[in-house]
Protein backbone atom coordinates (compact mmCIF):
# COMPACT_ATOMS: atom_id res chain seq x y z
CA MET A 1 43.55 -2.70 -20.54
CA SER A 2 44.19 -6.37 -19.81
CA SER A 3 47.41 -8.27 -19.13
CA ARG A 4 47.52 -9.81 -22.59
CA ASP A 5 47.48 -6.34 -24.20
CA VAL A 6 50.72 -5.38 -22.48
CA GLY A 7 53.88 -7.01 -23.82
CA VAL A 8 57.07 -7.79 -21.97
CA MET A 9 58.94 -5.26 -24.13
CA GLY A 10 56.61 -2.46 -23.15
CA THR A 11 57.04 -3.27 -19.48
CA LEU A 12 60.85 -3.31 -19.82
CA GLN A 13 60.82 0.01 -21.66
CA THR A 14 58.74 1.58 -18.91
CA VAL A 15 61.11 0.31 -16.23
CA MET A 16 64.19 1.53 -18.16
CA ALA A 17 62.72 4.97 -18.78
CA THR A 18 61.74 5.33 -15.13
CA THR A 19 65.23 4.24 -14.00
CA SER A 20 66.95 6.68 -16.38
CA LEU A 21 64.79 9.53 -15.15
CA PHE A 22 65.55 8.65 -11.56
CA CYS A 23 69.30 8.65 -12.29
CA ALA A 24 68.99 12.01 -13.99
CA SER A 25 67.21 13.40 -10.94
CA LEU A 26 70.05 12.18 -8.74
CA ASN A 27 72.60 13.95 -10.97
CA HIS A 28 70.64 17.19 -10.72
CA LEU A 29 70.40 16.73 -6.98
CA ARG A 30 74.20 16.33 -6.83
CA ALA A 31 74.57 19.52 -8.83
CA LEU A 32 72.31 21.29 -6.38
CA VAL A 33 74.43 20.09 -3.47
CA LEU A 34 77.62 21.34 -5.19
CA ALA A 35 75.98 24.70 -5.85
CA ALA A 36 75.02 24.90 -2.20
CA GLU A 37 78.66 24.24 -1.26
CA THR A 38 79.78 27.14 -3.39
CA VAL A 39 77.35 29.38 -1.52
CA VAL A 40 78.81 28.25 1.75
CA ALA A 41 82.31 28.92 0.38
CA SER A 42 81.21 32.49 -0.54
CA GLN A 43 81.63 31.73 -4.22
CA ALA A 44 77.93 32.06 -4.96
CA ASP A 45 76.51 31.92 -8.43
CA LEU A 46 72.81 32.36 -7.73
CA ALA A 47 71.75 31.88 -11.33
CA ILE A 48 73.35 28.43 -11.41
CA LEU A 49 71.77 27.61 -8.05
CA ASP A 50 68.26 28.64 -9.21
CA ALA A 51 68.62 26.70 -12.45
CA ALA A 52 69.72 23.58 -10.62
CA PHE A 53 66.90 23.89 -8.10
CA ASP A 54 64.29 24.33 -10.86
CA SER A 55 65.68 21.38 -12.77
CA VAL A 56 65.54 19.11 -9.74
CA SER A 57 61.98 20.21 -8.92
CA VAL A 58 60.73 19.50 -12.44
CA THR A 59 62.51 16.16 -12.52
CA LEU A 60 61.08 15.07 -9.17
CA LEU A 61 57.53 16.10 -10.13
CA THR A 62 57.86 14.22 -13.40
CA PHE A 63 59.17 11.18 -11.56
CA LEU A 64 56.23 11.27 -9.13
CA GLY A 65 53.84 11.51 -12.07
CA LEU A 66 55.40 8.48 -13.68
CA LEU A 67 55.14 6.56 -10.42
CA ARG A 68 51.43 7.36 -10.26
CA ALA A 69 51.00 6.23 -13.86
CA ALA A 70 52.86 2.99 -13.08
CA HIS A 71 50.64 2.52 -10.02
CA THR A 72 47.51 2.94 -12.15
CA THR A 73 48.85 0.54 -14.79
CA ASP A 74 49.59 -2.02 -12.08
CA ALA A 75 46.05 -1.69 -10.77
CA LEU A 76 44.61 -2.23 -14.23
CA LEU A 77 46.82 -5.24 -14.93
CA TYR A 78 45.96 -7.00 -11.71
CA ASP A 79 42.34 -5.73 -11.37
CA ILE A 80 43.05 -4.17 -7.95
CA PRO A 81 41.51 -0.69 -7.60
CA ILE A 82 43.89 1.93 -6.29
CA HIS A 83 41.68 2.80 -3.29
CA GLU A 84 41.79 -0.87 -2.25
CA GLU A 85 45.55 -1.16 -2.66
CA LEU A 86 46.01 1.93 -0.51
CA ALA A 87 43.58 0.63 2.15
CA PRO A 88 44.97 -0.59 5.48
CA GLN A 89 46.05 -4.21 5.22
CA GLN A 90 44.34 -5.25 8.48
CA PHE A 91 40.96 -5.19 6.67
CA THR A 92 39.74 -7.87 4.26
CA ARG A 93 39.20 -6.72 0.70
CA ALA A 94 35.92 -4.86 0.14
CA LYS A 95 33.58 -7.15 -1.81
CA ASP A 96 30.98 -4.55 -2.92
CA LEU A 97 28.29 -7.16 -2.33
CA ARG A 98 25.10 -6.99 -4.41
CA ILE A 99 21.90 -9.04 -4.43
CA ALA A 100 22.89 -10.54 -7.80
CA ASP A 101 26.07 -11.93 -6.21
CA LEU A 102 24.09 -14.15 -3.82
CA SER A 103 22.69 -17.58 -4.50
CA ASP A 104 19.49 -18.67 -2.78
CA VAL A 105 21.50 -20.62 -0.21
CA GLN A 106 23.75 -17.64 0.57
CA ALA A 107 20.79 -15.26 0.72
CA LEU A 108 18.91 -17.53 3.15
CA LYS A 109 21.99 -17.95 5.34
CA MET A 110 22.65 -14.21 5.54
CA THR A 111 19.18 -12.65 5.60
CA ARG A 112 16.65 -15.54 5.97
CA PHE A 113 15.12 -14.43 2.64
CA SER A 114 15.48 -16.03 -0.79
CA HIS A 115 17.04 -14.22 -3.74
CA SER A 116 13.67 -13.32 -5.28
CA GLN A 117 12.29 -12.14 -1.93
CA LEU A 118 15.31 -9.88 -1.46
CA ARG A 119 14.63 -8.33 -4.86
CA GLN A 120 11.04 -7.59 -3.91
CA LEU A 121 11.97 -6.14 -0.50
CA TYR A 122 14.68 -3.97 -2.00
CA ALA A 123 12.21 -2.57 -4.55
CA HIS A 124 9.70 -1.77 -1.77
CA PHE A 125 12.34 0.08 0.29
CA ASP A 126 12.91 2.40 -2.72
CA LEU A 127 16.43 3.36 -1.66
CA VAL A 128 17.33 4.16 -5.28
CA ALA A 129 15.06 7.22 -5.13
CA LEU A 130 17.40 8.75 -2.51
CA LEU A 131 20.44 8.75 -4.82
CA ASP A 132 21.85 12.07 -5.99
CA PRO A 133 21.85 12.67 -9.77
CA PHE A 134 24.61 10.73 -11.57
CA GLU A 135 25.54 8.93 -8.34
CA ASN A 136 25.19 5.22 -7.51
CA LYS A 137 25.98 5.44 -3.80
CA LEU A 138 24.13 7.03 -0.87
CA PRO A 139 25.89 9.76 1.14
CA ILE A 140 25.86 8.85 4.84
CA PHE A 141 26.69 12.00 6.80
CA THR A 142 28.91 11.55 9.86
CA GLY A 143 28.86 15.11 11.22
CA HIS A 144 31.91 16.39 9.42
CA THR A 145 32.16 14.22 6.30
CA SER A 146 30.20 11.54 4.44
CA TYR A 147 30.65 7.86 3.68
CA ARG A 148 29.25 6.72 0.36
CA ILE A 149 27.62 3.28 0.42
CA HIS A 150 25.76 1.49 -2.36
CA PRO A 151 22.04 1.11 -1.44
CA GLU A 152 22.04 -2.65 -2.15
CA GLU A 153 25.04 -3.17 0.12
CA LEU A 154 23.40 -1.09 2.87
CA PHE A 155 20.17 -3.08 2.47
CA LEU A 156 21.97 -6.43 2.68
CA PHE A 157 24.05 -5.37 5.69
CA THR A 158 20.93 -4.30 7.61
CA LEU A 159 19.05 -7.54 6.95
CA THR A 160 22.13 -9.61 7.81
CA LYS A 161 22.58 -7.87 11.14
CA ILE A 162 18.91 -8.21 12.04
CA ALA A 163 18.77 -11.88 10.99
CA THR A 164 22.04 -13.08 12.54
CA GLY A 165 22.63 -10.68 15.45
CA MET A 166 26.33 -10.61 14.57
CA SER A 167 28.50 -7.61 15.44
CA ASN A 168 29.40 -5.07 12.75
CA GLN A 169 33.02 -6.23 12.76
CA MET A 170 32.09 -9.90 12.34
CA ILE A 171 29.64 -9.16 9.51
CA VAL A 172 32.30 -7.10 7.70
CA ASP A 173 34.98 -9.78 8.14
CA VAL A 174 32.74 -12.66 7.04
CA TYR A 175 30.58 -11.13 4.30
CA PHE A 176 31.33 -7.56 3.20
CA GLY A 177 35.01 -6.76 3.72
CA GLY A 178 36.53 -3.29 3.86
CA GLY A 179 36.65 -0.92 6.81
CA TYR A 180 34.45 -1.06 9.88
CA ASN A 181 33.80 2.62 10.57
CA ARG A 182 31.32 3.29 7.79
CA TRP A 183 28.83 0.77 9.19
CA SER A 184 28.76 2.57 12.54
CA TYR A 185 26.94 5.29 10.61
CA GLY A 186 25.34 3.29 7.78
CA TYR A 187 23.36 0.82 9.91
CA PRO A 188 21.79 3.47 12.23
CA TRP A 189 20.97 5.57 9.15
CA MET A 190 19.10 2.61 7.65
CA LEU A 191 17.15 2.00 10.87
CA ARG A 192 16.08 5.66 10.98
CA TYR A 193 15.02 5.48 7.34
CA ILE A 194 12.89 2.37 7.93
CA ASP A 195 11.32 3.93 11.03
CA GLU A 196 10.39 7.13 9.20
CA ARG A 197 9.13 5.32 6.11
CA TYR A 198 7.03 2.64 7.83
CA ARG A 199 6.04 4.16 11.17
CA ASN A 200 2.37 4.30 10.13
CA ILE A 201 2.50 0.58 9.26
CA VAL A 202 4.72 -0.82 12.02
CA GLY A 203 3.09 1.32 14.72
CA HIS A 204 -0.40 0.70 16.06
CA GLN A 205 -1.65 2.99 13.28
CA GLY A 206 -1.08 -0.03 11.04
CA LEU A 207 -4.12 -1.72 12.61
CA THR A 208 -6.33 0.50 10.45
CA ARG A 209 -5.20 -1.53 7.41
CA PHE A 210 -6.79 -4.67 8.88
CA VAL A 211 -10.00 -3.41 10.50
CA ARG A 212 -12.20 -5.14 7.92
CA ASP A 213 -10.40 -8.42 8.71
CA PHE A 214 -11.12 -8.34 12.45
CA PRO A 215 -14.14 -10.72 12.11
CA ARG A 216 -11.99 -13.21 10.15
CA PHE A 217 -9.24 -12.98 12.76
CA HIS A 218 -11.78 -13.68 15.50
CA THR A 219 -13.16 -16.70 13.64
CA ALA A 220 -9.64 -18.12 13.19
CA ILE A 221 -8.74 -17.68 16.86
CA GLU A 222 -12.01 -19.12 18.13
CA GLY A 223 -11.73 -22.10 15.80
CA TYR A 224 -8.24 -22.81 17.15
CA VAL A 225 -9.13 -22.69 20.85
CA GLN A 226 -12.21 -24.87 20.32
CA ARG A 227 -10.07 -27.79 19.09
CA ASP A 228 -8.75 -30.46 21.45
CA HIS A 229 -4.95 -30.56 21.79
CA LEU A 230 -2.47 -33.23 22.84
CA ARG A 231 -0.11 -32.33 25.69
CA GLU A 232 2.90 -34.32 26.88
CA LEU A 233 3.22 -34.83 30.63
CA LEU A 234 6.41 -35.07 32.71
CA ASP A 235 6.32 -38.86 32.69
CA GLY A 236 6.22 -38.93 28.90
CA THR A 237 2.56 -39.85 28.57
CA MET A 238 0.17 -37.82 26.45
CA THR A 239 -3.10 -36.33 27.56
CA ILE A 240 -5.88 -34.58 25.69
CA VAL A 241 -6.64 -30.99 26.67
CA PRO A 242 -10.20 -30.21 25.61
CA GLY A 243 -10.92 -27.00 23.80
CA ILE A 244 -13.25 -24.33 25.13
CA ASN A 245 -16.80 -23.90 23.88
CA PHE A 246 -16.47 -20.28 22.81
CA LEU A 247 -14.54 -17.10 23.50
CA PRO A 248 -16.25 -14.79 26.01
CA TRP A 249 -15.02 -11.77 24.00
CA ASP A 250 -14.64 -11.03 20.33
CA VAL A 251 -10.87 -11.44 20.34
CA PHE A 252 -9.10 -10.45 17.12
CA ALA A 253 -5.46 -10.35 18.35
CA PHE A 254 -3.15 -10.85 21.34
CA ILE A 255 -1.29 -8.13 23.23
CA ASP A 256 1.88 -8.42 25.26
CA ASP A 257 4.76 -6.29 26.51
CA SER A 258 8.37 -7.43 26.27
CA ILE A 259 11.58 -6.11 27.86
CA ASP A 260 14.97 -5.96 26.17
CA SER A 261 18.00 -5.52 28.42
CA ILE A 262 20.34 -2.59 27.73
CA CYS A 263 23.75 -1.59 28.99
CA THR A 264 23.84 0.50 32.15
CA PRO A 265 23.38 4.08 30.90
CA PHE A 266 26.07 6.68 31.68
CA SER A 267 28.16 4.09 33.48
CA GLY A 268 31.53 5.38 32.29
CA PRO A 269 33.75 8.16 33.66
CA ARG A 270 33.37 11.80 32.66
CA SER A 271 36.73 11.74 30.85
CA ASP A 272 39.56 9.34 29.99
CA ASN A 273 42.06 10.56 32.56
CA GLU A 274 42.86 8.46 35.61
CA GLY A 275 40.67 9.22 38.62
CA ALA A 276 37.97 10.94 36.53
CA ALA A 277 34.61 11.46 38.22
CA ARG A 278 31.41 9.73 37.12
CA ARG A 279 29.11 11.46 34.71
CA ALA A 280 26.71 13.87 36.34
CA GLU A 281 23.66 12.26 34.72
CA TYR A 282 24.35 8.69 35.86
CA ALA A 283 21.96 8.59 38.85
CA ASP A 284 18.86 9.93 37.06
CA SER A 285 19.55 7.99 33.86
CA GLN A 286 20.11 4.67 35.57
CA GLN A 287 17.05 5.10 37.76
CA ALA A 288 14.94 6.02 34.73
CA PHE A 289 15.65 2.68 32.99
CA TYR A 290 15.99 0.32 35.96
CA THR A 291 13.29 -2.27 36.58
CA ALA A 292 13.12 -4.68 39.47
CA TYR A 293 11.28 -7.13 37.22
CA ILE A 294 14.56 -8.18 35.56
CA LYS A 295 16.80 -6.52 38.18
CA GLY A 296 18.52 -4.52 35.48
CA HIS A 297 18.11 -1.76 32.93
CA GLY A 298 15.98 -2.15 29.85
CA ILE A 299 13.44 -0.83 27.37
CA LYS A 300 9.89 -2.10 26.87
CA VAL A 301 7.81 -2.55 23.72
CA GLU A 302 4.03 -3.11 23.49
CA THR A 303 3.11 -5.52 20.71
CA VAL A 304 -0.22 -6.53 19.17
CA PHE A 305 -0.04 -9.95 17.42
CA MET A 306 -2.60 -10.75 14.72
CA PRO A 307 -3.32 -14.27 13.39
CA ASN A 308 -2.07 -13.35 9.90
CA GLY A 309 1.47 -13.23 11.33
CA ILE A 310 1.70 -9.42 11.33
CA CYS A 311 2.21 -7.38 14.48
CA THR A 312 2.20 -3.69 15.37
CA LEU A 313 4.39 -1.97 17.97
CA PHE A 314 4.40 0.90 20.40
CA GLY A 315 7.68 2.03 21.94
CA PRO A 316 10.29 1.51 23.02
CA VAL A 317 9.82 3.19 26.39
CA SER A 318 11.59 2.74 29.71
CA ALA A 319 11.19 -0.75 31.21
CA ARG A 320 10.46 1.00 34.50
CA ARG A 321 6.88 1.45 33.30
CA ALA A 322 4.40 -1.32 34.15
CA ASP A 323 2.41 -2.87 31.32
CA ALA A 324 -0.68 -0.91 32.33
CA GLY A 325 1.33 2.31 32.22
CA VAL A 326 2.61 1.55 28.72
CA THR A 327 -0.94 0.82 27.57
CA ALA A 328 -2.04 4.19 28.92
CA MET A 329 0.84 5.85 27.07
CA SER A 330 -0.06 4.15 23.78
CA ASN A 331 -3.78 4.98 24.22
CA LEU A 332 -4.45 1.71 22.40
CA ASN A 333 -7.92 1.09 23.88
CA ALA A 334 -9.31 4.44 22.76
CA PHE A 335 -7.70 3.97 19.35
CA LEU A 336 -9.31 0.53 18.86
CA VAL A 337 -12.69 1.88 19.89
CA GLU A 338 -12.37 4.80 17.48
CA ILE A 339 -11.39 2.79 14.38
CA GLN A 340 -14.24 0.29 14.93
CA ARG A 341 -17.07 2.79 15.51
CA GLY A 342 -19.99 1.96 13.18
CA GLN A 343 -18.14 -0.94 11.54
CA PHE A 344 -19.59 -4.15 13.02
CA PHE A 345 -23.02 -5.11 14.40
CA SER A 346 -24.60 -8.26 15.80
CA PRO A 347 -27.81 -9.80 14.33
CA THR A 348 -29.75 -7.91 16.99
CA GLY A 349 -28.28 -4.59 15.85
CA ALA A 350 -25.90 -4.11 18.80
CA GLU A 351 -22.50 -2.70 17.98
CA VAL A 352 -19.62 -5.19 18.20
CA LEU A 353 -16.14 -4.10 19.28
CA PHE A 354 -13.33 -6.62 18.75
CA THR A 355 -10.72 -6.78 21.48
CA ALA A 356 -7.04 -7.60 22.01
CA PHE A 357 -6.41 -10.37 24.58
CA GLY A 358 -3.54 -10.27 27.08
CA ASP A 359 -2.34 -11.66 30.40
CA LEU A 360 -3.33 -10.43 33.87
CA ALA A 361 -1.38 -7.19 33.43
CA PHE A 362 -4.08 -6.14 30.95
CA ASN A 363 -7.03 -6.83 33.25
CA LEU A 364 -7.88 -3.12 33.11
CA SER A 365 -11.65 -3.18 32.49
CA GLU A 366 -11.19 -1.64 29.06
CA GLN A 367 -13.57 -2.03 26.14
CA CYS A 368 -11.07 -3.31 23.60
CA ILE A 369 -8.35 -4.81 25.81
CA GLN A 370 -9.31 -7.88 27.82
CA SER A 371 -7.65 -10.46 30.06
CA TYR A 372 -8.65 -13.86 31.45
CA TYR A 373 -10.79 -14.17 34.57
CA ARG A 374 -9.37 -14.27 38.07
CA ALA A 375 -11.04 -14.45 41.49
CA PHE A 376 -9.75 -11.34 43.25
CA ALA A 377 -12.07 -11.17 46.27
CA ALA A 378 -11.50 -13.54 49.19
CA GLY A 379 -13.76 -16.55 48.86
CA ALA A 380 -14.90 -15.65 45.33
CA GLN A 381 -15.19 -18.65 43.01
CA LEU A 382 -14.82 -18.85 39.26
CA THR A 383 -17.54 -20.53 37.24
CA ASP A 384 -16.73 -23.72 35.31
CA GLY A 385 -16.70 -21.73 32.05
CA GLU A 386 -14.30 -19.17 33.50
CA LYS A 387 -11.98 -21.88 34.82
CA ASN A 388 -12.00 -23.62 31.42
CA LEU A 389 -11.13 -20.36 29.67
CA ARG A 390 -8.40 -19.54 32.19
CA ALA A 391 -6.78 -22.96 31.84
CA SER A 392 -6.86 -22.80 28.04
CA ARG A 393 -5.44 -19.31 27.55
CA SER A 394 -2.64 -19.08 25.01
CA LYS A 395 -0.52 -16.31 23.51
CA LYS A 396 0.39 -18.38 20.49
CA ILE A 397 -0.37 -16.66 17.18
CA THR A 398 -3.15 -18.67 15.62
CA PRO A 399 -2.61 -19.86 12.04
CA TRP A 400 -5.30 -19.30 9.48
């Protein structure tokens, strides 16, 4: 039903009929009041009172039904859904954003992906398979009820938050509109879904997909570090840094641990009343995540960077753990040894194990995790080759 299908006469007739019915309801209400006065005056006629009461009830219900019909007609005429018109006015209008609504420029600004790339990613996530029969929105359970969010909107919100780092409220105000509360449940739900779906790819288990490429990775890295590079000095002049002759290990990737700061855990009071005590768990929880390295609380992630631009992760764990402790927890060295057994051999027939290269924290004398040389003993000297390697170390991911 569009605005041009509804004439002025029809609108006037609807208004007149509604007004007449409202006047009739007022007359019945007056009759009910008069009947009540007769009861008070001990001149009761209960039959008249019941009839008047029933008449008023029917009239009021009919009037409410007409108001709802008028509300629906108004929504159709002005293309404003009823649920949006009834929504709190402090929120911007819900936009029900879809991938098709975005141009390439908008898609890149929001998610850092083009329109076609978003389509491919959305298909790989396979969120449509989670829909209930005859439904087009996903139920996001809150503990006592469920929000229903379209999978494309949930997908776009997640990528926007990851790409921009904006708060939920800002993302809703700028891009999506509607209420804020549903995204407090929708975004964590999406993160859990991605973690469960891709844990064997994002985790160190994902290295098994690239084992046959380890020799190519090593060749790319060695070719990069053998090239001379220009370096700008403090005075603005340029100098040439010579490349190294060869890598002393068969490096296929780089390893590093990173710390992300978090809020102080259990820092609030036990309740909202004035003078409330601190939470009982605050001491143990804060000590568990505190690290003197950043003089704060945080979580740590172990990452393996490969030269094809893909990385695998272990964690997060408490930042209190040293890098060596996190490596022991991930058992990465034993895993790399296991997946390479019987895979690669030198021309002499000796087995070759490719290694991940890290900073001094990974100087652990492991088979498949190596670090650059350092003279630990007093008076010990590095060879020229070791010094050249140490000076030329780099964590930069090598391009193909």
